[in-house]
Amino acid sequence: MVQVLSANRTGEGFSVPVFSLRDVPRFEWRGMMLDVSRHFFTMAEVKRMVDAMSLFKLNRLHLHLTDGPGWRLEIKKYPLLTSMSAWRVPLADGEWNWQEVKLAIQEHDPEATYGGFYTQEQMREIIAYARSRQVTVVPEIDLPGHSYAAMHAYGDLICDGVNFPVEGKKGRDAVCMGRPETLRFVKDVVDELKAVFPPGSPIHLGHDEVSAEAWKKCRYCQNRLKSLREKDLKALSRDFLQQIADYVRKGGYDAIVWDEAGELEADKHIFVMAWRGNGFAAAAARKGHPVILAPCSHFYFDYYQSAASTEPKAVGGLIPLKQVYGYELPELSPEEAARVRGLQANIWTEYLYNMGLVEYMAWPRALALSERAWSDCDPRDYKSFRSRAFRALKILEKLAVKYRPMGEED
């Protein structure tokens, strides 16, 4: 409905034309990912993002809750995850805009420690709020790589022989695949996720950019590899993923992984979120996996929106609005195409340390994502989309969303 609203010329209120409508979504999954690990966002800010998403039929909010920089969800059995690992300790001046963040925080509270986490009750409130707006919240616990925060809190997750924390900071941040404590830890975390997130919710298990370097010399990992009668270290990842995915699915939950895990030959019921491009998405679909398309070539909204020097600092890359709208699905057979569940944009927050910056990077690009995910419209008809986007931005303006204005170059 919101897409047909027109702002009145007086500037107050909106008009709705007389019309009849029959409409169904192109894809069931129309998502946005918010990285709350690198920079933490409050409940109110997350709800604000839900409000904007729901206006434009975006119905999955994927929260990247854990990574090296911070663990953001209370796990009652492992309290150190939040008492120790939810608070930023700067590794070096300037890292991820640390200087700008520090100055912004200290302006209000010179003694403030930067970070935070959601209690389980707070997360239940976010889930209920999102559900009332037809948005499903998808939690991600990123394992076995990107696990510095977990390893910082619980040393039993660290491989034998790793000089932690020094080596953990250099990329050797994958949890040990051989210690029994690791599997117990992950299953305990999944149990608490299930106590917070309702049945039917997907649970994202990460599994991207995993360095197996530490596993080569770890006696626990090598013993586990021998027990599997395998020589390739990928077998450790595959075995770990399969056990956790099986555990997640008990009780009616779907397991999701990034596309690197789609190459491990685990069972085809695991959802694959393809970030590295259409080729990886197509490969996963051909193996039988349900696929969510989130290519960094089109849907990484932490990339620059233009080459102008006035753009805020971003992680790199360039994805203008027209490029988002022009996204084309991979070439698939009808059977394979039926496995594509939807589209998702990802907002990593290395340099996005407040919600205003997140909104600037998200909108209007999220409008293009929304339209491409909802309808099978002609991606070349960009001029028509622009006219609709201008009207939609007026609505966001009324909500005080800090979107990036569209210019002639867009």
Protein backbone atom coordinates (compact mmCIF):
# COMPACT_ATOMS: atom_id res chain seq x y z
CA MET A 1 0.00 0.00 0.00
CA VAL A 2 2.76 2.44 0.95
CA GLN A 3 4.18 2.37 -2.59
CA VAL A 4 1.03 4.02 -4.02
CA LEU A 5 0.87 6.84 -1.49
CA SER A 6 1.42 10.33 -2.83
CA ALA A 7 2.42 13.23 -0.62
CA ASN A 8 -0.15 16.04 -0.69
CA ARG A 9 0.96 19.33 -2.20
CA THR A 10 0.42 21.07 1.12
CA GLY A 11 3.17 18.89 2.57
CA GLU A 12 0.82 17.41 5.12
CA GLY A 13 -0.54 13.87 4.83
CA PHE A 14 -0.86 11.54 1.84
CA SER A 15 -3.39 10.68 -0.80
CA VAL A 16 -4.38 7.19 -1.96
CA PRO A 17 -5.77 6.77 -5.49
CA VAL A 18 -8.73 4.51 -6.23
CA PHE A 19 -7.45 1.16 -7.48
CA SER A 20 -7.82 -2.60 -7.28
CA LEU A 21 -4.80 -4.77 -6.56
CA ARG A 22 -3.87 -8.41 -6.97
CA ASP A 23 -0.29 -9.07 -6.03
CA VAL A 24 1.98 -11.87 -4.79
CA PRO A 25 5.69 -11.76 -3.94
CA ARG A 26 8.27 -13.08 -6.36
CA PHE A 27 10.33 -14.48 -3.48
CA GLU A 28 9.47 -15.51 0.05
CA TRP A 29 12.82 -14.22 1.43
CA ARG A 30 13.34 -10.47 1.06
CA GLY A 31 16.07 -9.69 3.51
CA MET A 32 18.49 -7.24 5.02
CA MET A 33 21.45 -8.17 7.20
CA LEU A 34 22.67 -5.80 9.91
CA ASP A 35 26.11 -6.44 11.43
CA VAL A 36 25.72 -5.63 15.12
CA SER A 37 29.03 -7.25 16.08
CA ARG A 38 31.43 -4.68 14.68
CA HIS A 39 29.27 -1.84 15.97
CA PHE A 40 26.43 -2.38 18.40
CA PHE A 41 22.98 -0.91 17.77
CA THR A 42 20.34 -0.42 20.43
CA MET A 43 16.92 -2.06 20.57
CA ALA A 44 15.32 1.22 19.48
CA GLU A 45 17.64 1.46 16.47
CA VAL A 46 16.94 -2.14 15.43
CA LYS A 47 13.20 -1.49 15.72
CA ARG A 48 13.65 1.62 13.60
CA MET A 49 15.24 -0.51 10.90
CA VAL A 50 12.34 -2.97 11.13
CA ASP A 51 9.87 -0.11 10.64
CA ALA A 52 11.55 1.06 7.45
CA MET A 53 11.91 -2.49 6.10
CA SER A 54 8.29 -3.40 6.71
CA LEU A 55 7.05 -0.41 4.73
CA PHE A 56 8.59 -1.89 1.61
CA LYS A 57 7.81 -5.58 2.15
CA LEU A 58 11.31 -6.55 3.28
CA ASN A 59 10.54 -9.42 5.62
CA ARG A 60 13.78 -10.93 6.96
CA LEU A 61 16.08 -9.07 9.34
CA HIS A 62 19.29 -11.08 9.63
CA LEU A 63 21.28 -10.01 12.71
CA HIS A 64 25.00 -10.81 12.56
CA LEU A 65 25.29 -11.27 16.33
CA THR A 66 28.83 -12.58 16.69
CA ASP A 67 32.19 -12.01 15.09
CA GLY A 68 35.69 -11.11 16.20
CA PRO A 69 34.75 -7.62 17.45
CA GLY A 70 31.90 -8.60 19.75
CA TRP A 71 29.37 -11.16 21.01
CA ARG A 72 25.97 -9.48 21.15
CA LEU A 73 23.44 -11.93 22.60
CA GLU A 74 23.16 -13.10 26.20
CA ILE A 75 23.88 -16.82 26.59
CA LYS A 76 23.08 -17.68 30.20
CA LYS A 77 25.24 -20.80 30.35
CA TYR A 78 28.26 -18.80 29.12
CA PRO A 79 28.10 -15.40 30.83
CA LEU A 80 31.65 -14.41 29.87
CA LEU A 81 30.52 -14.05 26.25
CA THR A 82 28.81 -10.81 27.19
CA SER A 83 30.64 -9.74 30.34
CA MET A 84 33.98 -9.97 28.50
CA SER A 85 33.36 -10.10 24.75
CA ALA A 86 30.57 -7.58 24.23
CA TRP A 87 32.86 -4.63 24.87
CA ARG A 88 35.27 -3.14 22.37
CA VAL A 89 38.93 -3.15 23.21
CA PRO A 90 40.66 -1.18 20.43
CA LEU A 91 43.46 -3.19 18.87
CA ALA A 92 44.98 -0.16 17.16
CA ASP A 93 44.10 3.48 16.70
CA GLY A 94 42.06 4.04 13.59
CA GLU A 95 40.81 0.47 13.22
CA TRP A 96 37.22 0.49 11.92
CA ASN A 97 36.87 4.22 12.54
CA TRP A 98 37.79 3.69 16.17
CA GLN A 99 39.04 7.26 16.63
CA GLU A 100 35.78 8.76 15.33
CA VAL A 101 33.71 6.39 17.47
CA LYS A 102 35.76 7.09 20.56
CA LEU A 103 35.39 10.84 20.15
CA ALA A 104 31.65 10.57 19.55
CA ILE A 105 31.16 8.45 22.68
CA GLN A 106 33.45 10.44 24.94
CA GLU A 107 31.67 13.64 23.98
CA HIS A 108 28.73 12.32 26.00
CA ASP A 109 30.54 10.16 28.57
CA PRO A 110 34.34 10.38 28.88
CA GLU A 111 34.46 7.15 30.91
CA ALA A 112 32.18 5.12 28.64
CA THR A 113 33.17 1.66 27.45
CA TYR A 114 32.06 0.98 23.90
CA GLY A 115 29.88 -2.01 23.16
CA GLY A 116 26.78 -3.75 24.42
CA PHE A 117 24.57 -6.80 23.99
CA TYR A 118 20.93 -7.84 23.94
CA THR A 119 19.55 -9.75 26.88
CA GLN A 120 17.34 -12.66 25.92
CA GLU A 121 14.28 -10.72 27.08
CA GLN A 122 15.30 -7.76 24.92
CA MET A 123 15.73 -10.03 21.91
CA ARG A 124 12.28 -11.52 22.52
CA GLU A 125 10.90 -7.99 22.46
CA ILE A 126 12.66 -7.26 19.17
CA ILE A 127 11.32 -10.52 17.70
CA ALA A 128 7.76 -9.73 18.79
CA TYR A 129 8.02 -6.18 17.48
CA ALA A 130 9.30 -7.40 14.12
CA ARG A 131 6.67 -10.12 13.90
CA SER A 132 3.91 -7.53 14.41
CA ARG A 133 5.26 -5.91 11.24
CA GLN A 134 5.56 -9.20 9.30
CA VAL A 135 9.35 -9.32 9.68
CA THR A 136 11.19 -12.45 10.83
CA VAL A 137 14.41 -11.95 12.80
CA VAL A 138 17.18 -14.36 11.78
CA PRO A 139 20.05 -14.81 14.27
CA GLU A 140 23.56 -15.58 13.12
CA ILE A 141 26.21 -17.16 15.32
CA ASP A 142 29.32 -17.11 13.14
CA LEU A 143 31.34 -20.31 13.52
CA PRO A 144 33.83 -21.92 13.25
CA GLY A 145 35.75 -18.90 11.91
CA HIS A 146 35.37 -15.26 12.97
CA SER A 147 35.25 -16.59 16.53
CA TYR A 148 37.76 -14.35 18.30
CA ALA A 149 35.13 -13.03 20.72
CA ALA A 150 34.08 -16.53 21.79
CA MET A 151 37.69 -17.71 22.11
CA HIS A 152 38.56 -14.59 24.10
CA ALA A 153 35.93 -15.55 26.67
CA TYR A 154 36.41 -19.32 26.70
CA GLY A 155 39.90 -20.69 26.15
CA ASP A 156 38.64 -24.27 25.80
CA LEU A 157 37.59 -23.35 22.26
CA ILE A 158 41.18 -22.59 21.18
CA CYS A 159 43.34 -25.08 19.29
CA ASP A 160 46.32 -26.63 20.96
CA GLY A 161 49.49 -24.71 20.11
CA VAL A 162 47.87 -21.41 19.14
CA ASN A 163 49.52 -18.36 20.69
CA PHE A 164 46.31 -16.57 21.63
CA PRO A 165 45.41 -13.71 21.50
CA VAL A 166 48.24 -12.63 19.19
CA GLU A 167 47.59 -15.26 16.52
CA GLY A 168 43.84 -14.88 16.91
CA LYS A 169 44.16 -11.26 15.85
CA LYS A 170 46.04 -12.35 12.74
CA GLY A 171 43.26 -14.52 11.36
CA ARG A 172 43.75 -17.80 13.24
CA ASP A 173 40.38 -17.28 14.88
CA ALA A 174 38.66 -20.59 14.10
CA VAL A 175 37.49 -22.66 17.05
CA CYS A 176 39.06 -26.05 17.66
CA MET A 177 37.41 -28.87 15.74
CA GLY A 178 38.80 -31.62 17.95
CA ARG A 179 38.03 -30.58 21.51
CA PRO A 180 34.70 -32.00 22.78
CA GLU A 181 34.11 -28.66 24.51
CA THR A 182 33.58 -26.97 21.12
CA LEU A 183 30.65 -29.11 20.04
CA ARG A 184 29.10 -28.89 23.50
CA PHE A 185 29.47 -25.10 23.47
CA VAL A 186 27.79 -24.69 20.09
CA LYS A 187 24.92 -27.03 20.99
CA ASP A 188 24.38 -25.14 24.24
CA VAL A 189 24.26 -21.85 22.33
CA VAL A 190 21.78 -23.34 19.85
CA ASP A 191 19.60 -24.52 22.76
CA GLU A 192 19.41 -20.97 24.08
CA LEU A 193 18.70 -19.58 20.62
CA LYS A 194 15.77 -21.97 20.38
CA ALA A 195 14.53 -20.76 23.75
CA VAL A 196 14.45 -17.21 22.38
CA PHE A 197 13.55 -17.59 18.70
CA PRO A 198 10.25 -19.34 17.90
CA PRO A 199 10.02 -22.63 15.97
CA GLY A 200 10.14 -22.04 12.24
CA SER A 201 12.82 -19.39 12.55
CA PRO A 202 15.99 -20.02 10.55
CA ILE A 203 19.31 -20.08 12.45
CA HIS A 204 22.37 -18.89 10.56
CA LEU A 205 25.57 -20.78 11.39
CA GLY A 206 28.04 -18.60 9.47
CA HIS A 207 30.87 -20.85 8.27
CA ASP A 208 32.52 -18.27 6.01
CA GLU A 209 36.19 -17.38 5.53
CA VAL A 210 37.36 -20.18 7.82
CA SER A 211 41.13 -20.51 8.20
CA ALA A 212 42.16 -24.11 8.89
CA GLU A 213 45.75 -23.11 9.61
CA ALA A 214 45.56 -23.82 13.34
CA TRP A 215 43.99 -27.25 12.75
CA LYS A 216 47.11 -28.52 10.97
CA LYS A 217 49.20 -28.66 14.14
CA CYS A 218 46.48 -29.06 16.76
CA ARG A 219 46.62 -32.52 18.34
CA TYR A 220 42.90 -32.46 19.07
CA CYS A 221 42.00 -31.64 15.48
CA GLN A 222 44.42 -34.20 14.09
CA ASN A 223 43.02 -36.89 16.39
CA ARG A 224 39.51 -36.02 15.26
CA LEU A 225 40.60 -36.21 11.62
CA LYS A 226 42.01 -39.69 12.20
CA SER A 227 38.79 -40.83 13.88
CA LEU A 228 36.91 -39.69 10.77
CA ARG A 229 39.39 -41.66 8.63
CA GLU A 230 40.03 -38.55 6.58
CA LYS A 231 43.13 -36.61 5.56
CA ASP A 232 41.61 -33.42 4.13
CA LEU A 233 41.00 -30.72 6.76
CA LYS A 234 37.72 -29.91 5.02
CA ALA A 235 36.38 -33.09 6.59
CA LEU A 236 36.60 -31.38 9.99
CA SER A 237 34.43 -28.51 8.74
CA ARG A 238 31.98 -30.84 7.04
CA ASP A 239 31.58 -33.07 10.09
CA PHE A 240 31.16 -30.08 12.41
CA LEU A 241 28.63 -28.40 10.12
CA GLN A 242 26.59 -31.57 9.65
CA GLN A 243 26.37 -32.23 13.37
CA ILE A 244 25.31 -28.68 14.17
CA ALA A 245 22.86 -28.43 11.26
CA ASP A 246 21.21 -31.69 12.35
CA TYR A 247 20.97 -30.32 15.87
CA VAL A 248 19.52 -26.99 14.69
CA ARG A 249 16.80 -28.69 12.65
CA LYS A 250 15.38 -30.54 15.64
CA GLY A 251 12.17 -28.74 16.55
CA GLY A 252 11.45 -27.18 13.18
CA TYR A 253 14.34 -24.77 12.60
CA ASP A 254 16.18 -24.31 9.30
CA ALA A 255 19.99 -24.11 9.20
CA ILE A 256 21.65 -21.48 6.98
CA VAL A 257 25.33 -21.06 6.05
CA TRP A 258 27.40 -18.79 3.84
CA ASP A 259 28.32 -20.23 0.46
CA GLU A 260 31.80 -21.48 1.44
CA ALA A 261 30.01 -24.16 3.47
CA GLY A 262 27.98 -25.07 0.41
CA GLU A 263 31.20 -26.54 -1.01
CA LEU A 264 31.64 -28.97 1.89
CA GLU A 265 29.22 -31.56 0.49
CA ALA A 266 27.03 -31.48 3.59
CA ASP A 267 23.37 -32.43 3.24
CA LYS A 268 21.25 -30.56 0.72
CA HIS A 269 18.64 -29.41 3.25
CA ILE A 270 21.01 -26.72 4.54
CA PHE A 271 20.19 -23.27 3.14
CA VAL A 272 23.09 -21.57 1.36
CA MET A 273 23.40 -17.78 1.43
CA ALA A 274 25.54 -16.98 -1.61
CA TRP A 275 27.64 -13.85 -1.11
CA ARG A 276 30.51 -14.49 -3.52
CA GLY A 277 28.40 -14.25 -6.68
CA ASN A 278 26.00 -16.01 -9.00
CA GLY A 279 28.43 -18.79 -9.83
CA PHE A 280 28.52 -19.98 -6.22
CA ALA A 281 24.74 -19.59 -5.97
CA ALA A 282 24.22 -21.69 -9.09
CA ALA A 283 26.61 -24.40 -7.83
CA ALA A 284 24.67 -24.66 -4.56
CA ALA A 285 21.32 -24.81 -6.35
CA ARG A 286 22.59 -27.58 -8.64
CA LYS A 287 23.57 -29.60 -5.58
CA GLY A 288 19.99 -29.26 -4.32
CA HIS A 289 20.41 -26.61 -1.64
CA PRO A 290 17.79 -23.92 -1.06
CA VAL A 291 19.61 -20.68 -1.98
CA ILE A 292 19.41 -17.06 -0.88
CA LEU A 293 21.09 -14.62 -3.26
CA ALA A 294 23.21 -12.00 -1.51
CA PRO A 295 26.02 -11.25 -4.00
CA CYS A 296 28.66 -8.74 -2.95
CA SER A 297 28.63 -7.48 -6.55
CA HIS A 298 25.14 -5.98 -6.10
CA PHE A 299 23.82 -6.31 -2.55
CA TYR A 300 26.64 -5.31 -0.21
CA PHE A 301 25.31 -2.00 1.03
CA ASP A 302 28.47 -1.19 2.98
CA TYR A 303 30.12 -0.45 -0.39
CA TYR A 304 30.30 3.10 -1.78
CA GLN A 305 27.27 4.48 -3.61
CA SER A 306 29.23 6.83 -5.82
CA ALA A 307 32.81 7.89 -6.48
CA ALA A 308 32.20 11.36 -5.01
CA SER A 309 34.65 12.48 -2.33
CA THR A 310 31.69 13.53 -0.18
CA GLU A 311 30.58 9.94 0.44
CA PRO A 312 31.16 8.66 4.00
CA LYS A 313 34.02 6.24 4.50
CA ALA A 314 33.10 2.73 3.38
CA VAL A 315 34.78 -0.65 3.36
CA GLY A 316 35.46 -0.37 -0.38
CA GLY A 317 33.89 -1.28 -3.69
CA LEU A 318 31.25 0.66 -5.62
CA ILE A 319 27.58 -0.32 -5.93
CA PRO A 320 25.42 2.56 -7.22
CA LEU A 321 21.64 2.40 -7.08
CA LYS A 322 21.27 1.51 -10.76
CA GLN A 323 23.54 -1.50 -10.29
CA VAL A 324 21.37 -2.84 -7.47
CA TYR A 325 18.23 -2.51 -9.58
CA GLY A 326 19.91 -4.14 -12.55
CA TYR A 327 20.71 -7.38 -10.77
CA GLU A 328 19.99 -10.49 -12.84
CA LEU A 329 19.56 -13.96 -11.36
CA PRO A 330 21.99 -16.75 -12.29
CA GLU A 331 21.12 -18.95 -15.25
CA LEU A 332 19.40 -22.02 -13.84
CA SER A 333 17.10 -24.76 -15.01
CA PRO A 334 13.46 -24.43 -13.88
CA GLU A 335 14.08 -27.08 -11.21
CA GLU A 336 17.17 -25.28 -9.94
CA ALA A 337 15.51 -21.86 -10.10
CA ALA A 338 12.73 -23.16 -7.84
CA ARG A 339 15.37 -23.56 -5.11
CA VAL A 340 16.07 -19.81 -5.05
CA ARG A 341 14.23 -18.60 -1.96
CA GLY A 342 14.99 -14.91 -2.25
CA LEU A 343 17.33 -11.94 -2.19
CA GLN A 344 19.19 -10.25 0.64
CA ALA A 345 21.34 -7.17 1.10
CA ASN A 346 24.13 -7.20 3.68
CA ILE A 347 25.25 -4.19 5.71
CA TRP A 348 28.60 -4.84 7.34
CA THR A 349 29.48 -2.08 9.79
CA GLU A 350 33.25 -1.71 9.91
CA TYR A 351 32.81 2.03 9.29
CA LEU A 352 29.10 2.45 10.05
CA TYR A 353 29.13 3.29 13.73
CA ASN A 354 25.67 4.83 14.07
CA MET A 355 22.21 4.20 12.65
CA GLY A 356 22.30 7.38 10.59
CA LEU A 357 25.23 6.00 8.59
CA VAL A 358 23.49 2.62 8.24
CA GLU A 359 20.35 4.31 6.89
CA TYR A 360 22.39 6.43 4.50
CA MET A 361 23.99 3.31 3.07
CA ALA A 362 20.75 1.30 3.02
CA TRP A 363 18.32 3.75 1.40
CA PRO A 364 17.47 4.16 -1.45
CA ARG A 365 19.38 1.00 -2.43
CA ALA A 366 17.04 -1.10 -0.30
CA LEU A 367 14.14 0.21 -2.40
CA ALA A 368 15.73 -1.36 -5.46
CA LEU A 369 16.28 -4.61 -3.58
CA SER A 370 12.67 -4.58 -2.40
CA GLU A 371 11.25 -4.15 -5.88
CA ARG A 372 13.51 -6.79 -7.44
CA ALA A 373 12.62 -9.25 -4.66
CA TRP A 374 8.89 -8.58 -4.81
CA SER A 375 8.21 -8.48 -8.53
CA ASP A 376 9.75 -9.90 -11.68
CA CYS A 377 10.04 -6.44 -13.20
CA ASP A 378 12.31 -5.52 -16.08
CA PRO A 379 15.66 -4.53 -14.50
CA ARG A 380 16.38 -2.34 -17.52
CA ASP A 381 13.36 -0.13 -16.82
CA TYR A 382 15.35 1.93 -14.36
CA LYS A 383 13.67 5.21 -15.28
CA SER A 384 10.31 3.90 -14.11
CA PHE A 385 11.84 2.69 -10.85
CA ARG A 386 13.42 6.09 -10.19
CA SER A 387 10.05 7.81 -10.28
CA ARG A 388 8.69 5.37 -7.70
CA ALA A 389 11.81 5.68 -5.58
CA PHE A 390 11.45 9.46 -5.36
CA ARG A 391 7.93 9.02 -3.95
CA ALA A 392 9.11 6.36 -1.51
CA LEU A 393 11.89 8.61 -0.22
CA LYS A 394 9.28 11.23 0.67
CA ILE A 395 7.68 8.65 2.94
CA LEU A 396 11.03 7.80 4.53
CA GLU A 397 11.60 11.51 5.02
CA LYS A 398 8.40 11.73 7.06
CA LEU A 399 9.82 9.00 9.29
CA ALA A 400 13.10 10.95 9.69
CA VAL A 401 15.09 8.14 8.05
CA LYS A 402 18.51 9.53 7.10
CA TYR A 403 18.57 8.21 3.54
CA ARG A 404 21.01 9.24 0.82
CA PRO A 405 19.28 11.76 -1.51
CA MET A 406 19.02 10.72 -5.15
CA GLY A 407 20.84 12.96 -7.58
CA GLU A 408 21.05 13.21 -11.34
CA GLU A 409 23.89 10.71 -11.38
CA ASP A 410 21.78 8.01 -9.71
